[in-house]
Structure formats: structure tokens, C-alpha cells
Amino acid sequence: MLMKGVTLRGLEVFETLAKTGSVAQTAEATGLSQPAVSQQLRNLEKALGTDLVDHGRRPMVPTSAGRSFLTRTEAILSELRLAQSELSMMDLSHLPALSIGLIDDFDNDLTPRLVTALAESLTECRFKMITASSHDILSAILAREIHIAVTATTGEPQEGLIEFPLVRDPFILVAPKGFIPQATQAEALLDQLPLLRYAGDQLISQQIEAQLQQHQSEFENRFEIGSHLALMAMVARRIGWAVTTPLGYMRAARFHDQIEAFPLPFAGSARRISLFASSDWADQLPRTVAQTIQGLIKRQMVDPAIARLPWLAEDFKLIET
């Protein structure tokens, strides 16, 4: 969720003003009045607590903080425009309602972009979006409480649903920074700190436990944590190590200076993230949404993850259908 005072309209105004340097030209480009342009800029600067442009210069130019924020603004608006262009190819005016459930793995990056693009395309549609765990999202679509679900799969066929596979998300090891000098030493060092587990009722926890059992690895069960970010915070504080996935690692960007990621030291597998829709949905929408989500996943998650951890390139990838 955007912080109070930061709006998409405000971002568009700032982006245009940074390019034109003129309130009048920005008003003409955005279709707003000049006072409205000035108000949007003031609201944005107040929300961020800093001046984004030099108000004493003509034409206006971004401040140092403004130049930095402009880079982020352009990236966000570019993603939204791309998602909207992909979705706008469909005629959605016939839909009376649409509800989507997404796993909370995407909360940081993908969900805000996708939902904003959908909401602005579905102008005549009653729209609902929920985020929850994989178990809850799967249960909701099986109960016909939502139309589309984006979730990790159990591997079992889901009767009455069409599956659009999105991404292969391999299991990886995360440990406190410096705890494991080299990846080849990982397995020998794991007994020195406890394994921090996801809560047992979560699908990812059950999938990780299956991996450990397959390898015949036993670790003391001291910690079960329901919050992913709390789990990563505990790794950062050197309380223990954990098994997660690249999506989980990238979601914990605030802790990247304090944690390190390695390939799983024993035979590892991956979870699959897919989009599910009812098999009686004779519409192009689910496939187009799946394609849009794949584009967002690649640009927002896969590419940055591989840039940071090049050894992920073979395993963390989109699933072609």
C-alpha cells in the first residue's frame, strides 16, 4: 500500500514536471489545472518529507532527492503502463465482477502493480483482491469464493480448475552473513545453529519438511515462525538458519546486508507458482492475467534475483506453457 499522500496521480505529475520543468506544460500533459498540478506536487513532497524540485528555479529542476526518487517513479509507472497495455487488449466491459487471490509472497512488488492495472482496466466491474497463504487461496478458489488464484501448488491435480504455471521457485538456504564461508562448507556447519522453520500449517513448511525427510536430515524443532519477515529477521540476528526460496529471499530485501543465500546443500527441489481459474471460464482473461504476471515476475523478481545471486539462473525461471 502506498503511504498516505503518495498517489499514482502525484507520481505522474512529478514525472512530467521533472521532464518539462513547467507547471503549465505539466497541466496540459496531464489534463489537470495548474493549481491541481501544484497541489499534487505539494502533497507528494509533504508525504515524502522533502522537496523533489527546486521551486526557486525556472524551469524547475529536480533536487538531488528528486533525481533519486524520479528513477523509482519512472520504474513504477513503466511497469504499470506495461501491465495496463497488456490487459487493455481485452474487452473487460462484460465482466460484472472479478475476484482474485494472490499469495502474500508478491505483496512487496507484484501485487500493487497488477491490482492497480486491473482496477483501472475494469472500469465497470466490481473488483475484489485478497492476499493470503497458499492453503487459504487454494481453499477459496475450490470453494468458488474467488475467480482466479495465484498460489504455490501442492503438486496434486485440482479438479475443476485450469492451471497456468508461472514460475519455478527453488528451495535455497539462508544463513547469517559470514556464518558459512563457502557454499561447499554449508552442510557441515548447519548443526551449529538451529533450523528456523515456517509454521507447520503453511504449505511451504510442509514442502520443506518433505525435502528434509527425503534427504534423511533431522534438525531439532525449536522454532516455528508464521511470519516470513520475522523468520528472515531471526536469521539476520544470527538466531538460526532457514530454508526458503528466491521469492522469499527477494521479499526480505531489508535484511540482505545481514543474511546470505546459498544453494541447498542436499538434493533440492522447487515449488511451482501457478495461476488457477475455474475450468468453466471460457474467457481469455485468466491466460492474459497469467502472461501479465509472468512479465512482472521476470522484471521485478527473477532478473534482480539472478543479478544478485547468479547461481540461481538455472533453477529460478519462468515456466513456459
Protein backbone atom coordinates (compact mmCIF):
# COMPACT_ATOMS: atom_id res chain seq x y z
CA MET A 1 0.00 0.00 0.00
CA LEU A 2 1.28 3.48 -0.87
CA MET A 3 1.94 5.74 2.12
CA LYS A 4 -0.65 8.41 2.78
CA GLY A 5 -0.21 11.30 0.36
CA VAL A 6 1.65 9.26 -2.29
CA THR A 7 -0.74 8.70 -5.18
CA LEU A 8 -0.34 7.47 -8.74
CA ARG A 9 -1.59 10.84 -9.97
CA GLY A 10 1.06 12.57 -7.86
CA LEU A 11 3.78 10.32 -9.29
CA GLU A 12 2.60 11.07 -12.85
CA VAL A 13 2.63 14.81 -12.12
CA PHE A 14 6.14 14.66 -10.67
CA GLU A 15 7.45 12.58 -13.60
CA THR A 16 6.01 15.04 -16.13
CA LEU A 17 7.14 18.12 -14.22
CA ALA A 18 10.68 16.73 -13.95
CA LYS A 19 10.75 16.41 -17.75
CA THR A 20 9.10 19.70 -18.68
CA GLY A 21 10.19 21.95 -15.82
CA SER A 22 6.90 23.79 -16.22
CA VAL A 23 3.67 23.66 -14.23
CA ALA A 24 1.77 24.92 -17.28
CA GLN A 25 3.16 22.21 -19.58
CA THR A 26 2.56 19.57 -16.93
CA ALA A 27 -1.06 20.71 -16.58
CA GLU A 28 -1.53 20.46 -20.35
CA ALA A 29 0.07 16.97 -20.50
CA THR A 30 -1.89 15.54 -17.56
CA GLY A 31 -5.23 17.25 -18.19
CA LEU A 32 -5.17 18.91 -14.76
CA SER A 33 -5.43 22.58 -13.89
CA GLN A 34 -2.23 24.39 -12.89
CA PRO A 35 -3.38 24.72 -9.25
CA ALA A 36 -4.14 20.99 -9.20
CA VAL A 37 -0.64 20.21 -10.50
CA SER A 38 0.90 22.35 -7.78
CA GLN A 39 -1.29 20.71 -5.12
CA GLN A 40 -0.37 17.19 -6.29
CA LEU A 41 3.31 18.08 -6.07
CA ARG A 42 2.93 19.64 -2.61
CA ASN A 43 1.06 16.57 -1.35
CA LEU A 44 3.78 14.25 -2.67
CA GLU A 45 6.61 16.31 -1.19
CA LYS A 46 4.81 16.53 2.15
CA ALA A 47 4.30 12.75 2.23
CA LEU A 48 7.98 12.12 1.45
CA GLY A 49 9.23 14.88 3.76
CA THR A 50 11.50 16.51 1.17
CA ASP A 51 11.48 18.86 -1.82
CA LEU A 52 11.56 16.99 -5.10
CA VAL A 53 12.11 20.04 -7.31
CA ASP A 54 13.87 23.38 -6.89
CA HIS A 55 10.88 25.70 -6.59
CA GLY A 56 13.05 28.79 -6.98
CA ARG A 57 14.30 27.96 -10.48
CA ARG A 58 12.64 28.34 -13.84
CA PRO A 59 12.41 25.94 -15.47
CA MET A 60 12.07 23.76 -12.39
CA VAL A 61 14.69 21.04 -12.00
CA PRO A 62 14.70 18.03 -9.65
CA THR A 63 16.68 18.27 -6.44
CA SER A 64 19.20 15.59 -5.52
CA ALA A 65 16.48 13.72 -3.65
CA GLY A 66 14.13 14.32 -6.57
CA ARG A 67 16.54 12.78 -9.08
CA SER A 68 16.84 9.66 -6.94
CA PHE A 69 13.07 9.42 -6.46
CA LEU A 70 12.48 10.05 -10.18
CA THR A 71 14.33 6.85 -11.06
CA ARG A 72 11.99 4.85 -8.83
CA THR A 73 8.95 6.75 -10.08
CA GLU A 74 9.76 6.06 -13.72
CA ALA A 75 10.30 2.35 -13.00
CA ILE A 76 6.97 2.05 -11.14
CA LEU A 77 4.97 3.91 -13.77
CA SER A 78 6.67 1.97 -16.57
CA GLU A 79 5.60 -1.33 -15.01
CA LEU A 80 2.04 -0.11 -14.53
CA ARG A 81 1.78 1.13 -18.10
CA LEU A 82 3.13 -2.14 -19.44
CA ALA A 83 0.68 -4.18 -17.37
CA GLN A 84 -2.18 -1.92 -18.43
CA SER A 85 -1.25 -2.20 -22.10
CA GLU A 86 -1.27 -5.99 -21.84
CA LEU A 87 -4.63 -6.02 -20.11
CA SER A 88 -6.18 -3.33 -22.29
CA MET A 89 -6.07 -5.67 -25.28
CA MET A 90 -9.10 -7.39 -23.78
CA ASP A 91 -12.66 -6.11 -23.66
CA LEU A 92 -13.44 -6.36 -19.96
CA SER A 93 -16.65 -4.35 -20.05
CA HIS A 94 -18.77 -7.52 -19.99
CA LEU A 95 -17.49 -8.63 -16.59
CA PRO A 96 -19.91 -7.81 -13.76
CA ALA A 97 -17.41 -8.90 -11.09
CA LEU A 98 -13.87 -10.23 -10.71
CA SER A 99 -12.14 -11.50 -7.59
CA ILE A 100 -8.51 -12.54 -7.37
CA GLY A 101 -6.49 -14.17 -4.59
CA LEU A 102 -2.70 -13.86 -4.54
CA ILE A 103 -0.17 -15.39 -2.17
CA ASP A 104 1.48 -12.85 0.09
CA ASP A 105 4.91 -13.63 -1.44
CA PHE A 106 4.06 -10.96 -4.01
CA ASP A 107 2.95 -8.20 -1.62
CA ASN A 108 6.08 -6.06 -1.97
CA ASP A 109 6.46 -5.83 -5.72
CA LEU A 110 3.96 -7.61 -7.93
CA THR A 111 0.58 -7.25 -6.23
CA PRO A 112 0.43 -3.40 -6.16
CA ARG A 113 1.31 -3.17 -9.85
CA LEU A 114 -1.04 -5.93 -11.02
CA VAL A 115 -4.02 -4.85 -8.94
CA THR A 116 -3.68 -1.19 -9.92
CA ALA A 117 -3.53 -2.12 -13.61
CA LEU A 118 -6.54 -4.41 -13.30
CA ALA A 119 -8.58 -1.96 -11.26
CA GLU A 120 -8.04 0.81 -13.79
CA SER A 121 -8.96 -1.52 -16.68
CA LEU A 122 -12.11 -2.88 -15.01
CA THR A 123 -13.99 0.39 -15.04
CA GLU A 124 -17.49 -1.14 -14.89
CA CYS A 125 -16.62 -4.21 -12.82
CA ARG A 126 -16.98 -4.96 -9.11
CA PHE A 127 -13.39 -5.89 -8.24
CA LYS A 128 -12.04 -7.71 -5.19
CA MET A 129 -8.50 -8.78 -4.33
CA ILE A 130 -7.26 -10.75 -1.33
CA THR A 131 -3.79 -11.84 -0.22
CA ALA A 132 -3.30 -14.88 1.98
CA SER A 133 -1.35 -18.10 2.37
CA SER A 134 -1.29 -20.76 -0.37
CA HIS A 135 -3.62 -23.05 1.60
CA ASP A 136 -6.17 -20.28 2.06
CA ILE A 137 -6.01 -19.14 -1.57
CA LEU A 138 -6.46 -22.70 -2.87
CA SER A 139 -9.35 -23.30 -0.48
CA ALA A 140 -11.01 -20.09 -1.62
CA ILE A 141 -10.97 -20.92 -5.32
CA LEU A 142 -12.04 -24.53 -4.74
CA ALA A 143 -14.98 -23.16 -2.77
CA ARG A 144 -15.72 -20.76 -5.68
CA GLU A 145 -15.19 -17.78 -3.41
CA ILE A 146 -12.76 -16.20 -5.90
CA HIS A 147 -12.46 -16.42 -9.68
CA ILE A 148 -8.66 -16.51 -10.07
CA ALA A 149 -5.97 -17.75 -7.68
CA VAL A 150 -2.22 -17.20 -7.82
CA THR A 151 -0.62 -19.64 -5.42
CA ALA A 152 2.02 -22.26 -4.79
CA THR A 153 0.77 -25.66 -5.90
CA THR A 154 0.57 -28.84 -3.89
CA GLY A 155 1.52 -30.91 -6.93
CA GLU A 156 -1.87 -32.60 -6.88
CA PRO A 157 -4.33 -32.12 -9.77
CA GLN A 158 -7.05 -29.65 -8.82
CA GLU A 159 -10.39 -30.93 -10.10
CA GLY A 160 -12.47 -28.33 -11.86
CA LEU A 161 -9.59 -25.89 -12.25
CA ILE A 162 -7.34 -24.91 -15.15
CA GLU A 163 -3.70 -24.35 -14.19
CA PHE A 164 -1.38 -21.83 -15.83
CA PRO A 165 2.14 -22.49 -14.43
CA LEU A 166 4.05 -19.26 -13.80
CA VAL A 167 7.45 -19.75 -12.19
CA ARG A 168 9.76 -22.40 -10.74
CA ASP A 169 10.84 -21.23 -7.26
CA PRO A 170 13.65 -23.48 -5.94
CA PHE A 171 14.40 -24.07 -2.28
CA ILE A 172 17.57 -22.34 -1.07
CA LEU A 173 19.47 -21.93 2.19
CA VAL A 174 19.66 -18.59 4.00
CA ALA A 175 22.12 -18.07 6.84
CA PRO A 176 23.53 -15.18 8.88
CA LYS A 177 26.14 -13.20 6.97
CA GLY A 178 29.59 -14.75 7.42
CA PHE A 179 28.29 -17.91 9.10
CA ILE A 180 29.07 -20.04 6.04
CA PRO A 181 32.42 -19.03 4.46
CA GLN A 182 31.87 -21.12 1.32
CA ALA A 183 28.87 -22.91 -0.13
CA THR A 184 30.75 -26.23 -0.04
CA GLN A 185 31.02 -25.94 3.75
CA ALA A 186 27.33 -25.33 4.35
CA GLU A 187 26.14 -28.80 5.31
CA ALA A 188 28.96 -29.32 7.82
CA LEU A 189 28.06 -26.10 9.67
CA LEU A 190 24.29 -26.37 9.92
CA ASP A 191 24.31 -28.16 13.29
CA GLN A 192 25.95 -25.14 14.89
CA LEU A 193 22.74 -23.10 14.74
CA PRO A 194 19.09 -24.23 14.91
CA LEU A 195 16.87 -24.55 11.87
CA LEU A 196 14.21 -21.84 11.84
CA ARG A 197 11.06 -23.34 10.36
CA TYR A 198 7.98 -21.83 8.82
CA ALA A 199 4.80 -22.56 10.78
CA GLY A 200 3.77 -26.16 10.24
CA ASP A 201 0.35 -25.33 8.78
CA GLN A 202 1.92 -23.45 5.86
CA LEU A 203 2.32 -25.24 2.52
CA ILE A 204 5.93 -24.10 2.15
CA SER A 205 6.76 -25.62 5.54
CA GLN A 206 5.30 -28.97 4.51
CA GLN A 207 7.22 -28.89 1.23
CA ILE A 208 10.49 -28.09 3.01
CA GLU A 209 9.93 -30.87 5.54
CA ALA A 210 9.39 -33.30 2.66
CA GLN A 211 12.78 -32.24 1.28
CA LEU A 212 14.47 -32.81 4.64
CA GLN A 213 12.88 -36.23 5.04
CA GLN A 214 13.90 -37.22 1.53
CA HIS A 215 17.48 -36.38 2.43
CA GLN A 216 17.04 -38.10 5.80
CA SER A 217 18.10 -34.90 7.55
CA GLU A 218 16.91 -34.32 11.10
CA PHE A 219 17.14 -30.98 12.88
CA GLU A 220 15.79 -30.03 16.30
CA ASN A 221 12.37 -28.44 16.09
CA ARG A 222 12.72 -25.38 18.32
CA PHE A 223 11.28 -22.57 16.25
CA GLU A 224 8.17 -22.35 14.05
CA ILE A 225 7.50 -18.87 12.73
CA GLY A 226 4.32 -17.85 10.92
CA SER A 227 5.68 -14.58 9.53
CA HIS A 228 8.19 -14.76 6.68
CA LEU A 229 9.81 -11.41 7.51
CA ALA A 230 10.06 -12.36 11.18
CA LEU A 231 11.82 -15.56 10.12
CA MET A 232 14.31 -13.60 7.99
CA ALA A 233 14.83 -11.13 10.85
CA MET A 234 15.79 -14.02 13.12
CA VAL A 235 18.31 -15.23 10.56
CA ALA A 236 19.72 -11.69 10.35
CA ARG A 237 20.07 -11.64 14.15
CA ARG A 238 22.09 -14.89 13.97
CA ILE A 239 19.47 -16.90 15.87
CA GLY A 240 19.47 -19.65 13.25
CA TRP A 241 19.30 -20.52 9.56
CA ALA A 242 16.35 -21.30 7.32
CA VAL A 243 15.25 -22.85 4.07
CA THR A 244 13.26 -20.54 1.82
CA THR A 245 13.02 -19.72 -1.90
CA PRO A 246 14.28 -16.89 -4.14
CA LEU A 247 10.84 -15.24 -3.92
CA GLY A 248 11.16 -15.31 -0.14
CA TYR A 249 14.74 -14.05 -0.24
CA MET A 250 13.89 -11.11 -2.53
CA ARG A 251 10.90 -10.26 -0.36
CA ALA A 252 13.30 -9.78 2.56
CA ALA A 253 15.41 -7.09 0.86
CA ARG A 254 15.68 -5.10 4.08
CA PHE A 255 17.83 -7.89 5.56
CA HIS A 256 20.13 -8.55 2.58
CA ASP A 257 23.09 -6.86 4.27
CA GLN A 258 22.79 -9.28 7.19
CA ILE A 259 21.97 -12.59 5.51
CA GLU A 260 23.45 -14.71 2.75
CA ALA A 261 21.86 -17.20 0.38
CA PHE A 262 23.34 -20.48 -0.87
CA PRO A 263 22.19 -23.45 -2.93
CA LEU A 264 20.58 -26.10 -0.77
CA PRO A 265 23.48 -28.38 0.28
CA PHE A 266 21.44 -31.54 -0.19
CA ALA A 267 19.26 -32.71 -3.07
CA GLY A 268 16.83 -29.88 -3.53
CA SER A 269 13.64 -29.35 -5.41
CA ALA A 270 11.39 -26.40 -6.10
CA ARG A 271 7.87 -25.27 -5.58
CA ARG A 272 5.73 -24.18 -8.51
CA ILE A 273 3.72 -20.99 -8.50
CA SER A 274 0.68 -21.14 -10.77
CA LEU A 275 -2.46 -19.26 -11.68
CA PHE A 276 -5.68 -21.26 -11.32
CA ALA A 277 -9.06 -20.48 -12.81
CA SER A 278 -12.32 -22.38 -12.98
CA SER A 279 -12.44 -24.80 -15.92
CA ASP A 280 -15.84 -23.41 -16.96
CA TRP A 281 -14.34 -19.95 -17.52
CA ALA A 282 -14.50 -19.62 -21.31
CA ASP A 283 -12.65 -16.32 -21.35
CA GLN A 284 -9.18 -15.11 -22.35
CA LEU A 285 -8.82 -13.19 -19.09
CA PRO A 286 -7.07 -15.89 -16.98
CA ARG A 287 -4.44 -16.56 -19.66
CA THR A 288 -3.80 -12.85 -20.22
CA VAL A 289 -3.52 -12.21 -16.48
CA ALA A 290 -1.09 -15.15 -16.24
CA GLN A 291 1.04 -13.69 -19.04
CA THR A 292 0.99 -10.26 -17.40
CA ILE A 293 2.01 -11.75 -14.04
CA GLN A 294 4.85 -13.68 -15.67
CA GLY A 295 6.19 -10.45 -17.16
CA LEU A 296 6.04 -8.75 -13.76
CA ILE A 297 7.69 -11.73 -12.04
CA LYS A 298 10.56 -11.70 -14.52
CA ARG A 299 11.21 -7.97 -14.34
CA GLN A 300 10.57 -7.48 -10.62
CA MET A 301 11.85 -10.75 -9.14
CA VAL A 302 13.69 -13.17 -11.41
CA ASP A 303 16.04 -10.72 -13.11
CA PRO A 304 17.02 -8.85 -9.90
CA ALA A 305 17.48 -12.15 -8.02
CA ILE A 306 19.78 -13.60 -10.68
CA ALA A 307 21.74 -10.35 -10.83
CA ARG A 308 22.36 -10.68 -7.09
CA LEU A 309 22.74 -14.49 -7.00
CA PRO A 310 23.94 -15.66 -10.46
CA TRP A 311 23.88 -19.33 -9.42
CA LEU A 312 20.07 -19.16 -9.45
CA ALA A 313 19.96 -18.77 -13.24
CA GLU A 314 19.35 -22.46 -13.99
CA ASP A 315 16.65 -23.05 -11.40
CA PHE A 316 14.74 -19.80 -10.78
CA LYS A 317 12.87 -19.26 -14.02
CA LEU A 318 9.53 -18.79 -15.69
CA ILE A 319 7.64 -21.91 -16.74
CA GLU A 320 6.81 -21.87 -20.45
CA THR A 321 3.39 -23.18 -21.43
